[in-house]
């Protein structure tokens, strides 16, 4: 279980901190975990699963566009 800090999450996802916060607010991104009084992190596995789910949706949409 590896923890990712915000800088790493932004690099991996290509999202801004604000976008990550907005997605979290609407339960559309893995929740951050408090690891110290003023420090948060995300589980790498959850972030990778989120990325994989976005890729599968993108591939499905591309296939549907090709069929239509």
Protein backbone atom coordinates (compact mmCIF):
# COMPACT_ATOMS: atom_id res chain seq x y z
CA UNK A 1 0.00 0.00 0.00
CA UNK A 2 1.68 3.16 -1.21
CA UNK A 3 0.43 6.61 -0.35
CA UNK A 4 0.53 9.39 -2.94
CA UNK A 5 0.77 13.04 -2.02
CA UNK A 6 -1.07 15.70 -4.03
CA UNK A 7 1.89 16.48 -6.29
CA UNK A 8 2.11 12.81 -7.33
CA UNK A 9 -1.65 12.50 -7.84
CA UNK A 10 -1.64 15.60 -10.06
CA UNK A 11 1.26 14.21 -12.10
CA UNK A 12 -0.28 10.76 -12.52
CA UNK A 13 -3.78 11.99 -13.41
CA UNK A 14 -2.94 15.20 -15.23
CA UNK A 15 -5.59 16.97 -13.13
CA UNK A 16 -5.24 20.19 -11.18
CA UNK A 17 -5.65 20.30 -7.43
CA UNK A 18 -8.94 22.16 -7.84
CA UNK A 19 -10.32 19.55 -10.23
CA UNK A 20 -9.33 16.75 -7.86
CA UNK A 21 -11.09 18.57 -5.02
CA UNK A 22 -14.25 19.06 -7.13
CA UNK A 23 -14.32 15.41 -8.18
CA UNK A 24 -13.88 14.32 -4.56
CA UNK A 25 -16.74 16.59 -3.52
CA UNK A 26 -19.07 14.74 -5.90
CA UNK A 27 -17.71 11.27 -5.01
CA UNK A 28 -16.17 10.98 -8.46
CA UNK A 29 -12.56 10.55 -7.29
CA UNK A 30 -10.95 8.51 -4.50
CA UNK A 31 -11.10 10.18 -1.11
CA UNK A 32 -7.98 11.63 0.44
CA UNK A 33 -6.79 10.28 3.76
CA UNK A 34 -5.47 12.31 6.62
CA UNK A 35 -1.97 11.03 7.35
CA UNK A 36 -0.90 13.76 9.78
CA UNK A 37 -2.39 16.88 11.27
CA UNK A 38 -1.85 18.91 8.09
CA UNK A 39 -1.02 16.25 5.51
CA UNK A 40 -3.21 14.18 3.22
CA UNK A 41 -2.55 11.38 0.74
CA UNK A 42 -4.38 9.02 -1.58
CA UNK A 43 -3.96 5.27 -1.89
CA UNK A 44 -2.05 4.54 -5.09
CA UNK A 45 -4.23 1.51 -5.82
CA UNK A 46 -7.43 3.58 -5.67
CA UNK A 47 -6.01 6.29 -7.94
CA UNK A 48 -4.83 3.68 -10.44
CA UNK A 49 -8.26 2.01 -10.39
CA UNK A 50 -9.89 5.39 -11.03
CA UNK A 51 -7.58 5.97 -14.01
CA UNK A 52 -8.32 2.49 -15.38
CA UNK A 53 -12.07 3.09 -15.08
CA UNK A 54 -11.74 6.32 -17.07
CA UNK A 55 -9.75 4.55 -19.78
CA UNK A 56 -12.38 1.82 -20.11
CA UNK A 57 -15.16 4.41 -20.44
CA UNK A 58 -13.12 6.23 -23.07
CA UNK A 59 -12.55 3.03 -25.05
CA UNK A 60 -16.25 2.16 -24.87
CA UNK A 61 -17.19 5.61 -26.15
CA UNK A 62 -14.71 5.32 -29.03
CA UNK A 63 -16.15 1.93 -30.01
CA UNK A 64 -19.69 3.32 -29.95
CA UNK A 65 -18.66 6.26 -32.16
CA UNK A 66 -17.11 3.85 -34.65
CA UNK A 67 -20.29 1.73 -34.79
CA UNK A 68 -22.61 4.71 -35.20
